């Protein structure tokens, strides 16, 4: 991966922070813990397909473009 490429977690984190959404707020609407959202963002937890779809919907992203 080049330095110009973002991984999935980077994209999700940038979208979340760009919208002013806290870890706690996103976790609450997702039914996850803030720690789980943090782990998804840092790449130590891979979201399920359903979780990824929900994350992208809440963050205004297009899941197909991330894959």
PDB file of N, CA and C in Angstrom:
ATOM      1  N   UNK A   1       0.858  -1.172   0.000  1.00  0.00           N
ATOM      2  CA  UNK A   1       0.000   0.000   0.000  1.00  0.00           C
ATOM      3  C   UNK A   1       0.907   1.239   0.000  1.00  0.00           C
ATOM      4  N   UNK A   2       0.635   2.148  -0.880  1.00  0.00           N
ATOM      5  CA  UNK A   2       1.441   3.362  -0.928  1.00  0.00           C
ATOM      6  C   UNK A   2       0.985   4.320   0.173  1.00  0.00           C
ATOM      7  N   UNK A   3       1.786   5.334   0.394  1.00  0.00           N
ATOM      8  CA  UNK A   3       1.450   6.319   1.413  1.00  0.00           C
ATOM      9  C   UNK A   3       0.209   7.127   1.039  1.00  0.00           C
ATOM     10  N   UNK A   4      -0.145   7.154  -0.243  1.00  0.00           N
ATOM     11  CA  UNK A   4      -1.307   7.918  -0.675  1.00  0.00           C
ATOM     12  C   UNK A   4      -2.609   7.148  -0.526  1.00  0.00           C
ATOM     13  N   UNK A   5      -2.510   5.863  -0.308  1.00  0.00           N
ATOM     14  CA  UNK A   5      -3.707   5.043  -0.172  1.00  0.00           C
ATOM     15  C   UNK A   5      -4.143   4.971   1.285  1.00  0.00           C
ATOM     16  N   UNK A   6      -5.434   5.037   1.490  1.00  0.00           N
ATOM     17  CA  UNK A   6      -5.997   4.862   2.828  1.00  0.00           C
ATOM     18  C   UNK A   6      -6.577   3.465   2.928  1.00  0.00           C
ATOM     19  N   UNK A   7      -6.451   2.863   4.094  1.00  0.00           N
ATOM     20  CA  UNK A   7      -7.113   1.587   4.287  1.00  0.00           C
ATOM     21  C   UNK A   7      -8.548   1.841   4.751  1.00  0.00           C
ATOM     22  N   UNK A   8      -9.320   0.797   4.855  1.00  0.00           N
ATOM     23  CA  UNK A   8     -10.729   0.926   5.214  1.00  0.00           C
ATOM     24  C   UNK A   8     -10.906   1.692   6.526  1.00  0.00           C
ATOM     25  N   UNK A   9     -10.124   1.338   7.524  1.00  0.00           N
ATOM     26  CA  UNK A   9     -10.239   2.005   8.823  1.00  0.00           C
ATOM     27  C   UNK A   9      -9.956   3.493   8.738  1.00  0.00           C
ATOM     28  N   UNK A  10      -8.937   3.857   7.943  1.00  0.00           N
ATOM     29  CA  UNK A  10      -8.620   5.283   7.764  1.00  0.00           C
ATOM     30  C   UNK A  10      -9.789   6.030   7.134  1.00  0.00           C
ATOM     31  N   UNK A  11     -10.379   5.425   6.115  1.00  0.00           N
ATOM     32  CA  UNK A  11     -11.507   6.056   5.426  1.00  0.00           C
ATOM     33  C   UNK A  11     -12.680   6.245   6.379  1.00  0.00           C
ATOM     34  N   UNK A  12     -12.987   5.193   7.153  1.00  0.00           N
ATOM     35  CA  UNK A  12     -14.107   5.280   8.096  1.00  0.00           C
ATOM     36  C   UNK A  12     -13.837   6.340   9.160  1.00  0.00           C
ATOM     37  N   UNK A  13     -12.617   6.358   9.674  1.00  0.00           N
ATOM     38  CA  UNK A  13     -12.280   7.339  10.708  1.00  0.00           C
ATOM     39  C   UNK A  13     -12.343   8.766  10.164  1.00  0.00           C
ATOM     40  N   UNK A  14     -11.821   8.986   8.978  1.00  0.00           N
ATOM     41  CA  UNK A  14     -11.860  10.331   8.391  1.00  0.00           C
ATOM     42  C   UNK A  14     -13.299  10.769   8.133  1.00  0.00           C
ATOM     43  N   UNK A  15     -14.125   9.838   7.663  1.00  0.00           N
ATOM     44  CA  UNK A  15     -15.535  10.180   7.428  1.00  0.00           C
ATOM     45  C   UNK A  15     -16.229  10.509   8.749  1.00  0.00           C
ATOM     46  N   UNK A  16     -15.963   9.702   9.773  1.00  0.00           N
ATOM     47  CA  UNK A  16     -16.597   9.924  11.083  1.00  0.00           C
ATOM     48  C   UNK A  16     -16.184  11.265  11.672  1.00  0.00           C
ATOM     49  N   UNK A  17     -14.885  11.513  11.708  1.00  0.00           N
ATOM     50  CA  UNK A  17     -14.420  12.755  12.318  1.00  0.00           C
ATOM     51  C   UNK A  17     -14.791  13.966  11.467  1.00  0.00           C
ATOM     52  N   UNK A  18     -14.815  13.795  10.159  1.00  0.00           N
ATOM     53  CA  UNK A  18     -15.207  14.882   9.277  1.00  0.00           C
ATOM     54  C   UNK A  18     -16.653  15.308   9.471  1.00  0.00           C
ATOM     55  N   UNK A  19     -17.474  14.367   9.905  1.00  0.00           N
ATOM     56  CA  UNK A  19     -18.879  14.671  10.177  1.00  0.00           C
ATOM     57  C   UNK A  19     -19.103  15.071  11.639  1.00  0.00           C
ATOM     58  N   UNK A  20     -18.023  15.081  12.425  1.00  0.00           N
ATOM     59  CA  UNK A  20     -18.139  15.472  13.828  1.00  0.00           C
ATOM     60  C   UNK A  20     -18.819  14.418  14.693  1.00  0.00           C
ATOM     61  N   UNK A  21     -18.731  13.160  14.284  1.00  0.00           N
ATOM     62  CA  UNK A  21     -19.364  12.060  15.027  1.00  0.00           C
ATOM     63  C   UNK A  21     -18.322  11.438  15.952  1.00  0.00           C
ATOM     64  N   UNK A  22     -18.658  11.298  17.213  1.00  0.00           N
ATOM     65  CA  UNK A  22     -17.737  10.683  18.171  1.00  0.00           C
ATOM     66  C   UNK A  22     -17.788   9.168  18.057  1.00  0.00           C
ATOM     67  N   UNK A  23     -16.754   8.525  18.580  1.00  0.00           N
ATOM     68  CA  UNK A  23     -16.748   7.059  18.653  1.00  0.00           C
ATOM     69  C   UNK A  23     -17.982   6.566  19.401  1.00  0.00           C
ATOM     70  N   UNK A  24     -18.282   7.224  20.519  1.00  0.00           N
ATOM     71  CA  UNK A  24     -19.410   6.802  21.352  1.00  0.00           C
ATOM     72  C   UNK A  24     -20.738   6.935  20.611  1.00  0.00           C
ATOM     73  N   UNK A  25     -20.911   8.029  19.880  1.00  0.00           N
ATOM     74  CA  UNK A  25     -22.170   8.238  19.158  1.00  0.00           C
ATOM     75  C   UNK A  25     -22.345   7.213  18.045  1.00  0.00           C
ATOM     76  N   UNK A  26     -21.277   6.949  17.292  1.00  0.00           N
ATOM     77  CA  UNK A  26     -21.367   5.955  16.219  1.00  0.00           C
ATOM     78  C   UNK A  26     -21.595   4.570  16.801  1.00  0.00           C
ATOM     79  N   UNK A  27     -20.894   4.265  17.878  1.00  0.00           N
ATOM     80  CA  UNK A  27     -21.057   2.963  18.516  1.00  0.00           C
ATOM     81  C   UNK A  27     -22.498   2.753  18.964  1.00  0.00           C
ATOM     82  N   UNK A  28     -23.102   3.794  19.526  1.00  0.00           N
ATOM     83  CA  UNK A  28     -24.472   3.680  20.032  1.00  0.00           C
ATOM     84  C   UNK A  28     -25.449   3.349  18.909  1.00  0.00           C
ATOM     85  N   UNK A  29     -25.359   4.057  17.775  1.00  0.00           N
ATOM     86  CA  UNK A  29     -26.302   3.779  16.687  1.00  0.00           C
ATOM     87  C   UNK A  29     -26.005   2.458  15.995  1.00  0.00           C
ATOM     88  N   UNK A  30     -24.761   1.990  16.111  1.00  0.00           N
ATOM     89  CA  UNK A  30     -24.368   0.719  15.494  1.00  0.00           C
ATOM     90  C   UNK A  30     -24.643  -0.478  16.392  1.00  0.00           C
ATOM     91  N   UNK A  31     -24.879  -0.225  17.682  1.00  0.00           N
ATOM     92  CA  UNK A  31     -25.049  -1.348  18.611  1.00  0.00           C
ATOM     93  C   UNK A  31     -23.730  -2.022  18.946  1.00  0.00           C
ATOM     94  N   UNK A  32     -22.650  -1.257  18.857  1.00  0.00           N
ATOM     95  CA  UNK A  32     -21.316  -1.752  19.188  1.00  0.00           C
ATOM     96  C   UNK A  32     -20.737  -0.908  20.306  1.00  0.00           C
ATOM     97  N   UNK A  33     -19.616  -1.334  20.846  1.00  0.00           N
ATOM     98  CA  UNK A  33     -18.942  -0.524  21.855  1.00  0.00           C
ATOM     99  C   UNK A  33     -18.006   0.466  21.160  1.00  0.00           C
ATOM    100  N   UNK A  34     -17.687   1.569  21.834  1.00  0.00           N
ATOM    101  CA  UNK A  34     -16.699   2.486  21.258  1.00  0.00           C
ATOM    102  C   UNK A  34     -15.371   1.787  20.960  1.00  0.00           C
ATOM    103  N   UNK A  35     -14.998   0.835  21.809  1.00  0.00           N
ATOM    104  CA  UNK A  35     -13.750   0.092  21.592  1.00  0.00           C
ATOM    105  C   UNK A  35     -13.809  -0.703  20.282  1.00  0.00           C
ATOM    106  N   UNK A  36     -14.980  -1.265  19.967  1.00  0.00           N
ATOM    107  CA  UNK A  36     -15.108  -2.006  18.715  1.00  0.00           C
ATOM    108  C   UNK A  36     -14.983  -1.085  17.507  1.00  0.00           C
ATOM    109  N   UNK A  37     -15.575   0.089  17.574  1.00  0.00           N
ATOM    110  CA  UNK A  37     -15.442   1.054  16.480  1.00  0.00           C
ATOM    111  C   UNK A  37     -13.976   1.447  16.330  1.00  0.00           C
ATOM    112  N   UNK A  38     -13.307   1.697  17.445  1.00  0.00           N
ATOM    113  CA  UNK A  38     -11.889   2.041  17.421  1.00  0.00           C
ATOM    114  C   UNK A  38     -11.072   0.917  16.789  1.00  0.00           C
ATOM    115  N   UNK A  39     -11.387  -0.321  17.116  1.00  0.00           N
ATOM    116  CA  UNK A  39     -10.669  -1.470  16.553  1.00  0.00           C
ATOM    117  C   UNK A  39     -10.918  -1.598  15.050  1.00  0.00           C
ATOM    118  N   UNK A  40     -12.119  -1.296  14.602  1.00  0.00           N
ATOM    119  CA  UNK A  40     -12.405  -1.310  13.163  1.00  0.00           C
ATOM    120  C   UNK A  40     -11.571  -0.234  12.480  1.00  0.00           C
ATOM    121  N   UNK A  41     -11.511   0.934  13.081  1.00  0.00           N
ATOM    122  CA  UNK A  41     -10.758   2.039  12.497  1.00  0.00           C
ATOM    123  C   UNK A  41      -9.258   1.781  12.479  1.00  0.00           C
ATOM    124  N   UNK A  42      -8.752   1.065  13.482  1.00  0.00           N
ATOM    125  CA  UNK A  42      -7.302   0.813  13.473  1.00  0.00           C
ATOM    126  C   UNK A  42      -6.935  -0.503  12.796  1.00  0.00           C
ATOM    127  N   UNK A  43      -7.947  -1.208  12.266  1.00  0.00           N
ATOM    128  CA  UNK A  43      -7.696  -2.407  11.471  1.00  0.00           C
ATOM    129  C   UNK A  43      -7.521  -3.693  12.238  1.00  0.00           C
ATOM    130  N   UNK A  44      -7.761  -3.673  13.546  1.00  0.00           N
ATOM    131  CA  UNK A  44      -7.614  -4.900  14.329  1.00  0.00           C
ATOM    132  C   UNK A  44      -8.904  -5.709  14.410  1.00  0.00           C
ATOM    133  N   UNK A  45     -10.010  -5.121  13.954  1.00  0.00           N
ATOM    134  CA  UNK A  45     -11.296  -5.828  13.905  1.00  0.00           C
ATOM    135  C   UNK A  45     -11.891  -5.606  12.526  1.00  0.00           C
ATOM    136  N   UNK A  46     -12.211  -6.692  11.848  1.00  0.00           N
ATOM    137  CA  UNK A  46     -12.817  -6.612  10.522  1.00  0.00           C
ATOM    138  C   UNK A  46     -14.332  -6.605  10.696  1.00  0.00           C
ATOM    139  N   UNK A  47     -15.016  -5.579  10.191  1.00  0.00           N
ATOM    140  CA  UNK A  47     -16.473  -5.557  10.330  1.00  0.00           C
ATOM    141  C   UNK A  47     -17.126  -6.615   9.446  1.00  0.00           C
ATOM    142  N   UNK A  48     -18.236  -7.142   9.913  1.00  0.00           N
ATOM    143  CA  UNK A  48     -19.005  -8.079   9.096  1.00  0.00           C
ATOM    144  C   UNK A  48     -19.579  -7.307   7.908  1.00  0.00           C
ATOM    145  N   UNK A  49     -20.031  -8.003   6.883  1.00  0.00           N
ATOM    146  CA  UNK A  49     -20.652  -7.292   5.756  1.00  0.00           C
ATOM    147  C   UNK A  49     -21.828  -6.411   6.197  1.00  0.00           C
ATOM    148  N   UNK A  50     -22.644  -6.903   7.122  1.00  0.00           N
ATOM    149  CA  UNK A  50     -23.770  -6.102   7.617  1.00  0.00           C
ATOM    150  C   UNK A  50     -23.289  -4.877   8.385  1.00  0.00           C
ATOM    151  N   UNK A  51     -22.254  -5.052   9.193  1.00  0.00           N
ATOM    152  CA  UNK A  51     -21.700  -3.920   9.939  1.00  0.00           C
ATOM    153  C   UNK A  51     -21.104  -2.891   8.987  1.00  0.00           C
ATOM    154  N   UNK A  52     -20.411  -3.367   7.953  1.00  0.00           N
ATOM    155  CA  UNK A  52     -19.821  -2.447   6.988  1.00  0.00           C
ATOM    156  C   UNK A  52     -20.914  -1.655   6.276  1.00  0.00           C
ATOM    157  N   UNK A  53     -21.981  -2.330   5.888  1.00  0.00           N
ATOM    158  CA  UNK A  53     -23.089  -1.646   5.226  1.00  0.00           C
ATOM    159  C   UNK A  53     -23.683  -0.573   6.147  1.00  0.00           C
ATOM    160  N   UNK A  54     -23.887  -0.926   7.405  1.00  0.00           N
ATOM    161  CA  UNK A  54     -24.451   0.023   8.362  1.00  0.00           C
ATOM    162  C   UNK A  54     -23.499   1.196   8.606  1.00  0.00           C
ATOM    163  N   UNK A  55     -22.215   0.903   8.753  1.00  0.00           N
ATOM    164  CA  UNK A  55     -21.225   1.968   8.946  1.00  0.00           C
ATOM    165  C   UNK A  55     -21.247   2.948   7.783  1.00  0.00           C
ATOM    166  N   UNK A  56     -21.234   2.422   6.578  1.00  0.00           N
ATOM    167  CA  UNK A  56     -21.205   3.307   5.415  1.00  0.00           C
ATOM    168  C   UNK A  56     -22.482   4.132   5.308  1.00  0.00           C
ATOM    169  N   UNK A  57     -23.605   3.541   5.649  1.00  0.00           N
ATOM    170  CA  UNK A  57     -24.863   4.299   5.622  1.00  0.00           C
ATOM    171  C   UNK A  57     -24.842   5.429   6.637  1.00  0.00           C
ATOM    172  N   UNK A  58     -24.370   5.143   7.845  1.00  0.00           N
ATOM    173  CA  UNK A  58     -24.327   6.172   8.888  1.00  0.00           C
ATOM    174  C   UNK A  58     -23.314   7.270   8.575  1.00  0.00           C
ATOM    175  N   UNK A  59     -22.288   6.928   7.801  1.00  0.00           N
ATOM    176  CA  UNK A  59     -21.243   7.900   7.505  1.00  0.00           C
ATOM    177  C   UNK A  59     -21.391   8.545   6.126  1.00  0.00           C
ATOM    178  N   UNK A  60     -22.423   8.142   5.399  1.00  0.00           N
ATOM    179  CA  UNK A  60     -22.662   8.730   4.087  1.00  0.00           C
ATOM    180  C   UNK A  60     -21.681   8.277   3.021  1.00  0.00           C
ATOM    181  N   UNK A  61     -21.171   7.063   3.160  1.00  0.00           N
ATOM    182  CA  UNK A  61     -20.234   6.493   2.192  1.00  0.00           C
ATOM    183  C   UNK A  61     -20.935   5.441   1.346  1.00  0.00           C
ATOM    184  N   UNK A  62     -20.292   5.024   0.276  1.00  0.00           N
ATOM    185  CA  UNK A  62     -20.809   3.969  -0.591  1.00  0.00           C
ATOM    186  C   UNK A  62     -19.969   2.721  -0.391  1.00  0.00           C
ATOM    187  N   UNK A  63     -20.563   1.674   0.193  1.00  0.00           N
ATOM    188  CA  UNK A  63     -19.832   0.449   0.530  1.00  0.00           C
ATOM    189  C   UNK A  63     -19.150  -0.157  -0.690  1.00  0.00           C
ATOM    190  N   UNK A  64     -19.824  -0.172  -1.827  1.00  0.00           N
ATOM    191  CA  UNK A  64     -19.235  -0.794  -3.026  1.00  0.00           C
ATOM    192  C   UNK A  64     -17.942  -0.097  -3.457  1.00  0.00           C
ATOM    193  N   UNK A  65     -17.834   1.190  -3.222  1.00  0.00           N
ATOM    194  CA  UNK A  65     -16.644   1.920  -3.622  1.00  0.00           C
ATOM    195  C   UNK A  65     -15.463   1.648  -2.681  1.00  0.00           C
ATOM    196  N   UNK A  66     -15.747   1.115  -1.499  1.00  0.00           N
ATOM    197  CA  UNK A  66     -14.693   0.838  -0.528  1.00  0.00           C
ATOM    198  C   UNK A  66     -14.074  -0.527  -0.746  1.00  0.00           C
ATOM    199  N   UNK A  67     -14.754  -1.400  -1.460  1.00  0.00           N
ATOM    200  CA  UNK A  67     -14.278  -2.776  -1.616  1.00  0.00           C
ATOM    201  C   UNK A  67     -13.434  -2.977  -2.829  1.00  0.00           C
TER     202      UNK A  67
END
